[in-house]
Amino acid sequence: MINPSIIIADDHPLLLKGLSDFLIEKGYNLMGSGKDGREAYNLIIQEQPDIAILDIQMPLMSGIEIAQKCRNQKCHTKIVLITLHKEKELYQKAKELNIFGYILKEFALEEIETCIQTVKNGKPFFSAKLKELIGVISTEDSELDKLTPSEKKILKLIAQDQTNKEIASRLFISHRTVEKHRSNIITKLDLEPKTNSLLIWAKENQNKLT
């Protein structure tokens, strides 16, 4: 995915045009734009873009509802939400849906390129500014304190895309011990016990795993 295909949607014409112009100017492969949730969803289904950048609150269908439908359809498009809202509940909902990006509108043009590049490489991008505003960082820091040194070491290796087998070999422990540690980490961090939830968390908090 050298130059990802992108669709965008926002019900504010000026914001939509601004984002569209910015992406075209930067040379991105913009396949289409929509002015409401239904248009956005139809574009995703028709065009199957690599990335969809959506306003979280639109007429007919919200960005969250689109993400839910895309997940149900097993659509490969990676969803990035841009929002004016700073509620922790929305942020948590986005995390539950494995949304790949979540940025505030006021910082969108500052962060959108970094977001696209991160998402293009298969890694989620959640705005640090948003995390700061809703107090996620301080909570996650205290959660890290719950982990043992061994668990932190394993989490760091998970963030480096190491498999259970590779971690076991590197730390001279059994595969079963690694699995037990992973299960304990998921419980301590209060993560959803589903595929990749631990990997996503580790990637997002890699800078803290020193």
N, C-alpha and C. Protein backbone atom coordinates (compact mmCIF):
# COMPACT_ATOMS: atom_id res chain seq x y z
N MET A 1 0.85 -1.19 0.00
CA MET A 1 0.00 0.00 0.00
C MET A 1 0.89 1.24 0.00
N ILE A 2 1.51 1.54 -1.15
CA ILE A 2 2.44 2.68 -1.21
C ILE A 2 1.67 3.99 -1.11
N ASN A 3 0.66 4.15 -1.97
CA ASN A 3 -0.18 5.35 -1.91
C ASN A 3 -1.61 4.88 -1.68
N PRO A 4 -2.07 4.86 -0.43
CA PRO A 4 -3.38 4.25 -0.14
C PRO A 4 -4.54 4.98 -0.81
N SER A 5 -5.54 4.22 -1.22
CA SER A 5 -6.76 4.83 -1.75
C SER A 5 -7.61 5.28 -0.56
N ILE A 6 -8.20 6.48 -0.69
CA ILE A 6 -8.91 7.10 0.43
C ILE A 6 -10.26 7.63 -0.01
N ILE A 7 -11.29 7.48 0.85
CA ILE A 7 -12.53 8.24 0.67
C ILE A 7 -12.72 9.06 1.95
N ILE A 8 -13.41 10.20 1.82
CA ILE A 8 -13.66 11.06 2.98
C ILE A 8 -15.14 11.41 3.05
N ALA A 9 -15.61 11.74 4.24
CA ALA A 9 -17.02 12.14 4.39
C ALA A 9 -17.16 13.09 5.57
N ASP A 10 -17.92 14.17 5.33
CA ASP A 10 -18.22 15.16 6.38
C ASP A 10 -19.45 15.92 5.93
N ASP A 11 -20.35 16.22 6.87
CA ASP A 11 -21.56 16.94 6.47
C ASP A 11 -21.37 18.46 6.47
N HIS A 12 -20.16 18.93 6.79
CA HIS A 12 -19.86 20.36 6.69
C HIS A 12 -19.09 20.61 5.39
N PRO A 13 -19.73 21.28 4.39
CA PRO A 13 -19.10 21.44 3.08
C PRO A 13 -17.71 22.07 3.12
N LEU A 14 -17.51 23.07 3.97
CA LEU A 14 -16.20 23.74 4.03
C LEU A 14 -15.11 22.80 4.57
N LEU A 15 -15.46 22.05 5.60
CA LEU A 15 -14.49 21.10 6.15
C LEU A 15 -14.17 19.99 5.15
N LEU A 16 -15.20 19.53 4.45
CA LEU A 16 -15.03 18.49 3.44
C LEU A 16 -14.12 18.97 2.32
N LYS A 17 -14.37 20.21 1.84
CA LYS A 17 -13.55 20.77 0.77
C LYS A 17 -12.11 20.98 1.25
N GLY A 18 -11.97 21.49 2.48
CA GLY A 18 -10.63 21.72 3.02
C GLY A 18 -9.81 20.44 3.10
N LEU A 19 -10.42 19.38 3.58
CA LEU A 19 -9.73 18.09 3.70
C LEU A 19 -9.43 17.52 2.32
N SER A 20 -10.41 17.63 1.42
CA SER A 20 -10.24 17.14 0.05
C SER A 20 -9.08 17.85 -0.64
N ASP A 21 -9.07 19.17 -0.57
CA ASP A 21 -8.00 19.96 -1.20
C ASP A 21 -6.64 19.59 -0.62
N PHE A 22 -6.60 19.44 0.70
CA PHE A 22 -5.35 19.11 1.38
C PHE A 22 -4.80 17.77 0.89
N LEU A 23 -5.66 16.74 0.83
CA LEU A 23 -5.22 15.40 0.43
C LEU A 23 -4.76 15.37 -1.03
N ILE A 24 -5.51 16.10 -1.90
CA ILE A 24 -5.13 16.15 -3.32
C ILE A 24 -3.79 16.87 -3.48
N GLU A 25 -3.64 17.97 -2.75
CA GLU A 25 -2.39 18.75 -2.81
C GLU A 25 -1.18 17.90 -2.37
N LYS A 26 -1.42 17.02 -1.39
CA LYS A 26 -0.34 16.17 -0.88
C LYS A 26 -0.12 14.93 -1.74
N GLY A 27 -0.93 14.78 -2.78
CA GLY A 27 -0.73 13.67 -3.71
C GLY A 27 -1.36 12.35 -3.32
N TYR A 28 -2.32 12.38 -2.40
CA TYR A 28 -2.99 11.14 -2.01
C TYR A 28 -4.02 10.72 -3.05
N ASN A 29 -4.31 9.43 -3.08
CA ASN A 29 -5.24 8.85 -4.05
C ASN A 29 -6.67 8.96 -3.51
N LEU A 30 -7.29 10.13 -3.69
CA LEU A 30 -8.64 10.37 -3.17
C LEU A 30 -9.67 9.84 -4.17
N MET A 31 -10.42 8.84 -3.76
CA MET A 31 -11.36 8.17 -4.68
C MET A 31 -12.76 8.77 -4.67
N GLY A 32 -13.09 9.52 -3.62
CA GLY A 32 -14.43 10.11 -3.57
C GLY A 32 -14.71 10.73 -2.22
N SER A 33 -15.79 11.51 -2.16
CA SER A 33 -16.17 12.13 -0.89
C SER A 33 -17.69 12.11 -0.74
N GLY A 34 -18.14 12.05 0.51
CA GLY A 34 -19.58 12.01 0.78
C GLY A 34 -19.96 13.07 1.79
N LYS A 35 -21.24 13.49 1.74
CA LYS A 35 -21.69 14.56 2.64
C LYS A 35 -22.60 14.05 3.76
N ASP A 36 -22.83 12.74 3.79
CA ASP A 36 -23.56 12.16 4.92
C ASP A 36 -23.14 10.70 5.09
N GLY A 37 -23.62 10.08 6.16
CA GLY A 37 -23.19 8.73 6.49
C GLY A 37 -23.54 7.68 5.45
N ARG A 38 -24.72 7.82 4.85
CA ARG A 38 -25.14 6.83 3.85
C ARG A 38 -24.24 6.89 2.61
N GLU A 39 -23.95 8.12 2.17
CA GLU A 39 -23.05 8.28 1.02
C GLU A 39 -21.69 7.68 1.34
N ALA A 40 -21.22 7.94 2.56
CA ALA A 40 -19.91 7.43 2.97
C ALA A 40 -19.89 5.91 2.94
N TYR A 41 -20.92 5.29 3.51
CA TYR A 41 -20.98 3.82 3.57
C TYR A 41 -21.06 3.23 2.16
N ASN A 42 -21.89 3.83 1.30
CA ASN A 42 -22.00 3.35 -0.08
C ASN A 42 -20.67 3.45 -0.83
N LEU A 43 -19.95 4.56 -0.59
CA LEU A 43 -18.64 4.73 -1.22
C LEU A 43 -17.65 3.64 -0.78
N ILE A 44 -17.69 3.34 0.53
CA ILE A 44 -16.80 2.30 1.06
C ILE A 44 -17.10 0.95 0.40
N ILE A 45 -18.40 0.61 0.31
CA ILE A 45 -18.80 -0.68 -0.27
C ILE A 45 -18.46 -0.74 -1.77
N GLN A 46 -18.72 0.38 -2.49
CA GLN A 46 -18.47 0.40 -3.95
C GLN A 46 -16.98 0.45 -4.29
N GLU A 47 -16.24 1.33 -3.60
CA GLU A 47 -14.85 1.58 -3.97
C GLU A 47 -13.84 0.71 -3.22
N GLN A 48 -14.25 0.18 -2.06
CA GLN A 48 -13.34 -0.62 -1.22
C GLN A 48 -11.99 0.08 -1.02
N PRO A 49 -12.01 1.33 -0.54
CA PRO A 49 -10.74 2.05 -0.36
C PRO A 49 -9.91 1.44 0.78
N ASP A 50 -8.62 1.76 0.78
CA ASP A 50 -7.76 1.29 1.87
C ASP A 50 -8.15 1.98 3.18
N ILE A 51 -8.45 3.29 3.08
CA ILE A 51 -8.75 4.09 4.28
C ILE A 51 -10.00 4.94 4.04
N ALA A 52 -10.86 5.04 5.05
CA ALA A 52 -12.02 5.95 5.00
C ALA A 52 -11.89 6.93 6.16
N ILE A 53 -11.84 8.23 5.84
CA ILE A 53 -11.73 9.27 6.88
C ILE A 53 -13.12 9.88 7.05
N LEU A 54 -13.73 9.65 8.20
CA LEU A 54 -15.14 9.99 8.39
C LEU A 54 -15.35 10.92 9.58
N ASP A 55 -16.28 11.87 9.40
CA ASP A 55 -16.75 12.65 10.54
C ASP A 55 -17.52 11.68 11.44
N ILE A 56 -17.35 11.83 12.73
CA ILE A 56 -18.00 10.88 13.64
C ILE A 56 -19.51 11.09 13.71
N GLN A 57 -19.96 12.36 13.48
CA GLN A 57 -21.39 12.66 13.61
C GLN A 57 -21.91 13.23 12.28
N MET A 58 -22.66 12.41 11.55
CA MET A 58 -23.20 12.82 10.25
C MET A 58 -24.67 12.43 10.16
N PRO A 59 -25.45 13.10 9.30
CA PRO A 59 -26.84 12.68 9.09
C PRO A 59 -26.90 11.27 8.51
N LEU A 60 -27.99 10.58 8.75
CA LEU A 60 -28.34 9.25 8.21
C LEU A 60 -27.54 8.09 8.80
N MET A 61 -26.25 8.32 9.09
CA MET A 61 -25.44 7.26 9.71
C MET A 61 -24.19 7.90 10.30
N SER A 62 -23.90 7.58 11.55
CA SER A 62 -22.70 8.17 12.18
C SER A 62 -21.46 7.39 11.77
N GLY A 63 -20.30 7.98 12.01
CA GLY A 63 -19.04 7.30 11.73
C GLY A 63 -18.92 5.99 12.50
N ILE A 64 -19.40 6.00 13.75
CA ILE A 64 -19.37 4.78 14.59
C ILE A 64 -20.26 3.69 13.97
N GLU A 65 -21.46 4.09 13.50
CA GLU A 65 -22.39 3.12 12.88
C GLU A 65 -21.78 2.54 11.59
N ILE A 66 -21.11 3.40 10.83
CA ILE A 66 -20.46 2.93 9.59
C ILE A 66 -19.38 1.91 9.95
N ALA A 67 -18.58 2.23 10.97
CA ALA A 67 -17.51 1.32 11.40
C ALA A 67 -18.08 -0.03 11.83
N GLN A 68 -19.21 0.01 12.55
CA GLN A 68 -19.87 -1.21 13.00
C GLN A 68 -20.33 -2.06 11.81
N LYS A 69 -20.96 -1.39 10.83
CA LYS A 69 -21.46 -2.11 9.63
C LYS A 69 -20.31 -2.69 8.83
N CYS A 70 -19.23 -1.91 8.71
CA CYS A 70 -18.07 -2.40 7.95
C CYS A 70 -17.45 -3.62 8.63
N ARG A 71 -17.43 -3.59 9.96
CA ARG A 71 -16.88 -4.74 10.68
C ARG A 71 -17.77 -5.96 10.47
N ASN A 72 -19.08 -5.77 10.53
CA ASN A 72 -20.02 -6.88 10.30
C ASN A 72 -19.87 -7.46 8.90
N GLN A 73 -19.57 -6.56 7.93
CA GLN A 73 -19.41 -7.00 6.53
C GLN A 73 -18.01 -7.55 6.25
N LYS A 74 -17.15 -7.52 7.29
CA LYS A 74 -15.75 -7.95 7.14
C LYS A 74 -15.04 -7.16 6.02
N CYS A 75 -15.34 -5.88 5.99
CA CYS A 75 -14.76 -4.98 4.99
C CYS A 75 -13.31 -4.64 5.40
N HIS A 76 -12.39 -4.64 4.44
CA HIS A 76 -10.97 -4.44 4.78
C HIS A 76 -10.61 -2.97 4.98
N THR A 77 -11.52 -2.04 4.62
CA THR A 77 -11.23 -0.61 4.73
C THR A 77 -10.94 -0.22 6.18
N LYS A 78 -9.86 0.51 6.38
CA LYS A 78 -9.49 0.96 7.73
C LYS A 78 -10.19 2.30 7.99
N ILE A 79 -10.93 2.37 9.09
CA ILE A 79 -11.72 3.56 9.41
C ILE A 79 -10.93 4.52 10.30
N VAL A 80 -10.93 5.80 9.88
CA VAL A 80 -10.34 6.88 10.68
C VAL A 80 -11.47 7.86 10.98
N LEU A 81 -11.68 8.17 12.25
CA LEU A 81 -12.74 9.10 12.64
C LEU A 81 -12.15 10.46 13.01
N ILE A 82 -12.78 11.53 12.50
CA ILE A 82 -12.41 12.87 12.95
C ILE A 82 -13.61 13.46 13.67
N THR A 83 -13.36 14.13 14.78
CA THR A 83 -14.48 14.56 15.62
C THR A 83 -14.21 15.85 16.36
N LEU A 84 -15.30 16.53 16.69
CA LEU A 84 -15.24 17.69 17.58
C LEU A 84 -15.45 17.25 19.02
N HIS A 85 -15.93 16.02 19.17
CA HIS A 85 -16.33 15.52 20.49
C HIS A 85 -15.14 14.96 21.26
N LYS A 86 -15.13 15.26 22.55
CA LYS A 86 -14.01 14.82 23.39
C LYS A 86 -14.48 13.86 24.50
N GLU A 87 -15.65 13.25 24.31
CA GLU A 87 -16.18 12.36 25.34
C GLU A 87 -15.39 11.05 25.38
N LYS A 88 -15.10 10.61 26.58
CA LYS A 88 -14.34 9.37 26.76
C LYS A 88 -15.11 8.16 26.23
N GLU A 89 -16.47 8.23 26.35
CA GLU A 89 -17.31 7.09 25.93
C GLU A 89 -17.13 6.82 24.42
N LEU A 90 -17.09 7.91 23.62
CA LEU A 90 -16.92 7.75 22.17
C LEU A 90 -15.56 7.16 21.85
N TYR A 91 -14.55 7.64 22.56
CA TYR A 91 -13.18 7.14 22.37
C TYR A 91 -13.14 5.63 22.68
N GLN A 92 -13.76 5.23 23.79
CA GLN A 92 -13.77 3.82 24.18
C GLN A 92 -14.53 2.97 23.16
N LYS A 93 -15.64 3.53 22.64
CA LYS A 93 -16.44 2.81 21.64
C LYS A 93 -15.60 2.58 20.38
N ALA A 94 -14.86 3.62 19.98
CA ALA A 94 -14.00 3.51 18.80
C ALA A 94 -12.94 2.42 19.01
N LYS A 95 -12.39 2.36 20.22
CA LYS A 95 -11.39 1.33 20.54
C LYS A 95 -12.00 -0.07 20.45
N GLU A 96 -13.22 -0.20 20.97
CA GLU A 96 -13.90 -1.51 20.96
C GLU A 96 -14.12 -2.00 19.53
N LEU A 97 -14.38 -1.06 18.62
CA LEU A 97 -14.66 -1.42 17.22
C LEU A 97 -13.37 -1.60 16.40
N ASN A 98 -12.21 -1.51 17.08
CA ASN A 98 -10.92 -1.62 16.39
C ASN A 98 -10.76 -0.60 15.28
N ILE A 99 -11.30 0.61 15.52
CA ILE A 99 -11.12 1.70 14.55
C ILE A 99 -9.64 2.06 14.51
N PHE A 100 -9.14 2.35 13.31
CA PHE A 100 -7.70 2.54 13.14
C PHE A 100 -7.20 3.94 13.47
N GLY A 101 -8.08 4.93 13.40
CA GLY A 101 -7.63 6.29 13.69
C GLY A 101 -8.72 7.11 14.35
N TYR A 102 -8.30 8.03 15.22
CA TYR A 102 -9.27 8.86 15.93
C TYR A 102 -8.59 10.18 16.23
N ILE A 103 -9.00 11.24 15.53
CA ILE A 103 -8.34 12.54 15.73
C ILE A 103 -9.37 13.66 15.88
N LEU A 104 -8.96 14.71 16.57
CA LEU A 104 -9.83 15.88 16.78
C LEU A 104 -9.79 16.79 15.55
N LYS A 105 -10.96 17.35 15.20
CA LYS A 105 -11.03 18.22 14.02
C LYS A 105 -10.09 19.41 14.13
N GLU A 106 -9.97 19.96 15.34
CA GLU A 106 -9.15 21.16 15.48
C GLU A 106 -7.68 20.89 15.18
N PHE A 107 -7.27 19.61 15.26
CA PHE A 107 -5.87 19.26 14.96
C PHE A 107 -5.77 18.39 13.70
N ALA A 108 -6.89 18.25 12.96
CA ALA A 108 -6.94 17.29 11.86
C ALA A 108 -5.86 17.53 10.81
N LEU A 109 -5.70 18.76 10.36
CA LEU A 109 -4.72 19.01 9.30
C LEU A 109 -3.28 18.84 9.81
N GLU A 110 -3.09 19.03 11.11
CA GLU A 110 -1.76 18.79 11.71
C GLU A 110 -1.45 17.30 11.75
N GLU A 111 -2.48 16.51 12.08
CA GLU A 111 -2.23 15.10 12.39
C GLU A 111 -2.59 14.13 11.27
N ILE A 112 -3.33 14.60 10.27
CA ILE A 112 -3.89 13.66 9.28
C ILE A 112 -2.81 12.90 8.51
N GLU A 113 -1.72 13.59 8.16
CA GLU A 113 -0.66 12.89 7.40
C GLU A 113 0.00 11.80 8.24
N THR A 114 0.32 12.13 9.49
CA THR A 114 0.91 11.13 10.39
C THR A 114 -0.05 9.97 10.57
N CYS A 115 -1.32 10.31 10.72
CA CYS A 115 -2.36 9.29 10.89
C CYS A 115 -2.41 8.36 9.67
N ILE A 116 -2.46 8.93 8.48
CA ILE A 116 -2.54 8.12 7.25
C ILE A 116 -1.32 7.21 7.12
N GLN A 117 -0.13 7.77 7.37
CA GLN A 117 1.09 6.97 7.25
C GLN A 117 1.11 5.83 8.27
N THR A 118 0.65 6.11 9.49
CA THR A 118 0.62 5.08 10.54
C THR A 118 -0.38 3.98 10.19
N VAL A 119 -1.58 4.41 9.79
CA VAL A 119 -2.65 3.46 9.44
C VAL A 119 -2.27 2.65 8.20
N LYS A 120 -1.62 3.31 7.24
CA LYS A 120 -1.17 2.64 6.01
C LYS A 120 -0.27 1.44 6.35
N ASN A 121 0.51 1.59 7.41
CA ASN A 121 1.42 0.51 7.83
C ASN A 121 0.76 -0.50 8.77
N GLY A 122 -0.59 -0.40 8.87
CA GLY A 122 -1.32 -1.39 9.66
C GLY A 122 -1.33 -1.13 11.15
N LYS A 123 -0.96 0.10 11.56
CA LYS A 123 -0.94 0.43 12.99
C LYS A 123 -1.97 1.51 13.29
N PRO A 124 -2.66 1.41 14.42
CA PRO A 124 -3.67 2.42 14.76
C PRO A 124 -3.02 3.75 15.16
N PHE A 125 -3.77 4.84 14.94
CA PHE A 125 -3.30 6.17 15.36
C PHE A 125 -4.42 6.85 16.14
N PHE A 126 -4.21 7.03 17.43
CA PHE A 126 -5.16 7.76 18.26
C PHE A 126 -4.48 9.03 18.74
N SER A 127 -5.08 10.16 18.44
CA SER A 127 -4.50 11.45 18.75
C SER A 127 -4.03 11.56 20.20
N ALA A 128 -2.75 11.90 20.38
CA ALA A 128 -2.20 12.08 21.73
C ALA A 128 -2.90 13.24 22.42
N LYS A 129 -3.26 14.26 21.63
CA LYS A 129 -3.94 15.43 22.20
C LYS A 129 -5.30 15.04 22.77
N LEU A 130 -5.98 14.14 22.08
CA LEU A 130 -7.28 13.67 22.57
C LEU A 130 -7.10 12.86 23.84
N LYS A 131 -6.12 11.97 23.85
CA LYS A 131 -5.87 11.15 25.04
C LYS A 131 -5.60 12.04 26.26
N GLU A 132 -4.82 13.11 26.00
CA GLU A 132 -4.50 14.06 27.07
C GLU A 132 -5.78 14.69 27.63
N LEU A 133 -6.64 15.15 26.71
CA LEU A 133 -7.85 15.87 27.10
C LEU A 133 -8.81 15.00 27.90
N ILE A 134 -8.90 13.72 27.54
CA ILE A 134 -9.87 12.87 28.25
C ILE A 134 -9.23 12.06 29.38
N GLY A 135 -7.94 12.31 29.60
CA GLY A 135 -7.27 11.69 30.75
C GLY A 135 -6.95 10.23 30.58
N VAL A 136 -6.82 9.77 29.33
CA VAL A 136 -6.50 8.35 29.11
C VAL A 136 -5.07 8.04 29.51
N ILE A 137 -4.16 8.97 29.24
CA ILE A 137 -2.74 8.71 29.48
C ILE A 137 -2.47 8.43 30.95
N SER A 138 -3.00 9.27 31.84
CA SER A 138 -2.72 9.08 33.26
C SER A 138 -3.29 7.74 33.75
N THR A 139 -4.46 7.38 33.23
CA THR A 139 -5.08 6.10 33.61
C THR A 139 -4.21 4.93 33.14
N GLU A 140 -3.74 5.02 31.88
CA GLU A 140 -2.96 3.92 31.32
C GLU A 140 -1.62 3.80 32.02
N ASP A 141 -1.04 4.93 32.42
CA ASP A 141 0.22 4.89 33.15
C ASP A 141 0.06 4.11 34.45
N SER A 142 -1.04 4.39 35.17
CA SER A 142 -1.26 3.69 36.44
C SER A 142 -1.53 2.21 36.19
N GLU A 143 -2.13 1.89 35.06
CA GLU A 143 -2.38 0.49 34.72
C GLU A 143 -1.05 -0.24 34.47
N LEU A 144 -0.10 0.46 33.85
CA LEU A 144 1.21 -0.14 33.60
C LEU A 144 1.91 -0.50 34.91
N ASP A 145 1.64 0.29 35.93
CA ASP A 145 2.25 0.04 37.25
C ASP A 145 1.79 -1.29 37.85
N LYS A 146 0.65 -1.80 37.35
CA LYS A 146 0.13 -3.07 37.87
C LYS A 146 0.93 -4.27 37.35
N LEU A 147 1.69 -4.05 36.27
CA LEU A 147 2.39 -5.16 35.63
C LEU A 147 3.71 -5.48 36.32
N THR A 148 4.06 -6.74 36.31
CA THR A 148 5.37 -7.16 36.85
C THR A 148 6.44 -6.83 35.81
N PRO A 149 7.73 -6.80 36.23
CA PRO A 149 8.81 -6.56 35.25
C PRO A 149 8.78 -7.55 34.08
N SER A 150 8.47 -8.81 34.36
CA SER A 150 8.40 -9.83 33.29
C SER A 150 7.28 -9.50 32.31
N GLU A 151 6.13 -9.11 32.85
CA GLU A 151 4.98 -8.77 31.99
C GLU A 151 5.30 -7.55 31.12
N LYS A 152 5.98 -6.56 31.70
CA LYS A 152 6.36 -5.37 30.93
C LYS A 152 7.33 -5.75 29.80
N LYS A 153 8.24 -6.66 30.11
CA LYS A 153 9.21 -7.11 29.10
C LYS A 153 8.48 -7.81 27.94
N ILE A 154 7.50 -8.64 28.29
CA ILE A 154 6.73 -9.36 27.27
C ILE A 154 5.90 -8.38 26.44
N LEU A 155 5.30 -7.40 27.12
CA LEU A 155 4.50 -6.39 26.42
C LEU A 155 5.35 -5.61 25.42
N LYS A 156 6.57 -5.30 25.81
CA LYS A 156 7.50 -4.58 24.93
C LYS A 156 7.81 -5.41 23.68
N LEU A 157 8.00 -6.72 23.87
CA LEU A 157 8.29 -7.62 22.74
C LEU A 157 7.06 -7.78 21.84
N ILE A 158 5.88 -7.78 22.46
CA ILE A 158 4.63 -7.85 21.66
C ILE A 158 4.54 -6.62 20.77
N ALA A 159 4.89 -5.45 21.33
CA ALA A 159 4.86 -4.19 20.55
C ALA A 159 5.84 -4.24 19.38
N GLN A 160 6.85 -5.10 19.49
CA GLN A 160 7.84 -5.26 18.40
C GLN A 160 7.45 -6.38 17.43
N ASP A 161 6.17 -6.79 17.51
CA ASP A 161 5.62 -7.83 16.61
C ASP A 161 6.23 -9.21 16.81
N GLN A 162 6.74 -9.49 18.02
CA GLN A 162 7.29 -10.81 18.31
C GLN A 162 6.14 -11.79 18.57
N THR A 163 6.25 -12.99 18.05
CA THR A 163 5.23 -14.02 18.30
C THR A 163 5.48 -14.65 19.67
N ASN A 164 4.50 -15.42 20.16
CA ASN A 164 4.66 -16.13 21.44
C ASN A 164 5.89 -17.03 21.41
N LYS A 165 6.08 -17.70 20.29
CA LYS A 165 7.21 -18.62 20.15
C LYS A 165 8.54 -17.86 20.23
N GLU A 166 8.59 -16.71 19.53
CA GLU A 166 9.82 -15.90 19.54
C GLU A 166 10.11 -15.33 20.93
N ILE A 167 9.02 -14.90 21.61
CA ILE A 167 9.18 -14.36 22.97
C ILE A 167 9.69 -15.45 23.91
N ALA A 168 9.11 -16.63 23.81
CA ALA A 168 9.51 -17.76 24.67
C ALA A 168 10.99 -18.08 24.47
N SER A 169 11.41 -18.12 23.20
CA SER A 169 12.81 -18.43 22.88
C SER A 169 13.75 -17.35 23.41
N ARG A 170 13.33 -16.09 23.25
CA ARG A 170 14.18 -14.97 23.66
C ARG A 170 14.33 -14.87 25.18
N LEU A 171 13.25 -15.20 25.90
CA LEU A 171 13.28 -15.07 27.36
C LEU A 171 13.57 -16.40 28.07
N PHE A 172 13.82 -17.45 27.27
CA PHE A 172 14.14 -18.78 27.82
C PHE A 172 13.03 -19.29 28.75
N ILE A 173 11.78 -19.10 28.28
CA ILE A 173 10.64 -19.63 29.03
C ILE A 173 9.77 -20.44 28.06
N SER A 174 8.79 -21.14 28.59
CA SER A 174 7.96 -21.97 27.71
C SER A 174 6.88 -21.13 27.01
N HIS A 175 6.40 -21.67 25.91
CA HIS A 175 5.32 -21.05 25.13
C HIS A 175 4.10 -20.86 26.03
N ARG A 176 3.85 -21.87 26.88
CA ARG A 176 2.70 -21.85 27.79
C ARG A 176 2.82 -20.70 28.81
N THR A 177 4.04 -20.45 29.28
CA THR A 177 4.28 -19.36 30.24
C THR A 177 3.99 -18.01 29.59
N VAL A 178 4.39 -17.85 28.32
CA VAL A 178 4.12 -16.61 27.59
C VAL A 178 2.61 -16.39 27.48
N GLU A 179 1.88 -17.45 27.13
CA GLU A 179 0.42 -17.35 27.02
C GLU A 179 -0.22 -16.95 28.34
N LYS A 180 0.31 -17.52 29.44
CA LYS A 180 -0.21 -17.19 30.77
C LYS A 180 0.04 -15.71 31.09
N HIS A 181 1.25 -15.24 30.76
CA HIS A 181 1.58 -13.83 30.97
C HIS A 181 0.66 -12.92 30.15
N ARG A 182 0.43 -13.29 28.90
CA ARG A 182 -0.44 -12.50 28.02
C ARG A 182 -1.84 -12.38 28.62
N SER A 183 -2.35 -13.52 29.11
CA SER A 183 -3.68 -13.53 29.70
C SER A 183 -3.74 -12.63 30.94
N ASN A 184 -2.68 -12.67 31.76
CA ASN A 184 -2.62 -11.82 32.96
C ASN A 184 -2.56 -10.34 32.59
N ILE A 185 -1.79 -10.02 31.53
CA ILE A 185 -1.65 -8.62 31.10
C ILE A 185 -3.01 -8.09 30.62
N ILE A 186 -3.71 -8.89 29.83
CA ILE A 186 -5.03 -8.50 29.32
C ILE A 186 -5.98 -8.22 30.48
N THR A 187 -5.94 -9.07 31.49
CA THR A 187 -6.81 -8.88 32.67
C THR A 187 -6.43 -7.60 33.42
N LYS A 188 -5.14 -7.40 33.65
CA LYS A 188 -4.67 -6.24 34.41
C LYS A 188 -4.95 -4.92 33.69
N LEU A 189 -4.84 -4.94 32.37
CA LEU A 189 -5.08 -3.72 31.59
C LEU A 189 -6.56 -3.54 31.24
N ASP A 190 -7.37 -4.52 31.66
CA ASP A 190 -8.82 -4.48 31.43
C ASP A 190 -9.13 -4.35 29.93
N LEU A 191 -8.47 -5.19 29.12
CA LEU A 191 -8.68 -5.17 27.67
C LEU A 191 -9.71 -6.21 27.27
N GLU A 192 -10.31 -5.98 26.09
CA GLU A 192 -11.23 -6.98 25.54
C GLU A 192 -10.43 -8.24 25.19
N PRO A 193 -10.87 -9.43 25.63
CA PRO A 193 -10.10 -10.64 25.33
C PRO A 193 -10.32 -11.11 23.90
N LYS A 194 -9.94 -10.27 22.93
CA LYS A 194 -10.14 -10.67 21.53
C LYS A 194 -8.85 -10.46 20.74
N THR A 195 -8.82 -11.03 19.55
CA THR A 195 -7.63 -10.99 18.71
C THR A 195 -7.09 -9.57 18.56
N ASN A 196 -5.79 -9.45 18.76
CA ASN A 196 -5.05 -8.20 18.53
C ASN A 196 -5.30 -7.08 19.54
N SER A 197 -6.19 -7.25 20.51
CA SER A 197 -6.44 -6.14 21.45
C SER A 197 -5.16 -5.79 22.21
N LEU A 198 -4.39 -6.82 22.60
CA LEU A 198 -3.15 -6.58 23.34
C LEU A 198 -2.09 -5.95 22.43
N LEU A 199 -2.00 -6.44 21.19
CA LEU A 199 -1.04 -5.89 20.23
C LEU A 199 -1.33 -4.41 19.97
N ILE A 200 -2.61 -4.07 19.77
CA ILE A 200 -2.99 -2.68 19.51
C ILE A 200 -2.62 -1.80 20.70
N TRP A 201 -2.92 -2.28 21.92
CA TRP A 201 -2.59 -1.50 23.12
C TRP A 201 -1.08 -1.30 23.23
N ALA A 202 -0.33 -2.38 22.99
CA ALA A 202 1.14 -2.32 23.10
C ALA A 202 1.73 -1.33 22.10
N LYS A 203 1.19 -1.35 20.87
CA LYS A 203 1.67 -0.43 19.82
C LYS A 203 1.40 1.02 20.20
N GLU A 204 0.20 1.27 20.70
CA GLU A 204 -0.19 2.64 21.04
C GLU A 204 0.60 3.19 22.22
N ASN A 205 1.07 2.30 23.09
CA ASN A 205 1.75 2.74 24.31
C ASN A 205 3.23 2.35 24.32
N GLN A 206 3.75 2.10 23.11
CA GLN A 206 5.13 1.63 22.96
C GLN A 206 6.15 2.56 23.62
N ASN A 207 5.88 3.87 23.53
CA ASN A 207 6.83 4.85 24.09
C ASN A 207 6.94 4.76 25.61
N LYS A 208 5.94 4.14 26.25
CA LYS A 208 5.97 4.02 27.72
C LYS A 208 6.64 2.74 28.18
N LEU A 209 6.86 1.82 27.23
CA LEU A 209 7.40 0.51 27.60
C LEU A 209 8.93 0.52 27.55
N THR A 210 9.52 1.35 28.37
CA THR A 210 10.99 1.47 28.34
C THR A 210 11.65 0.48 29.28
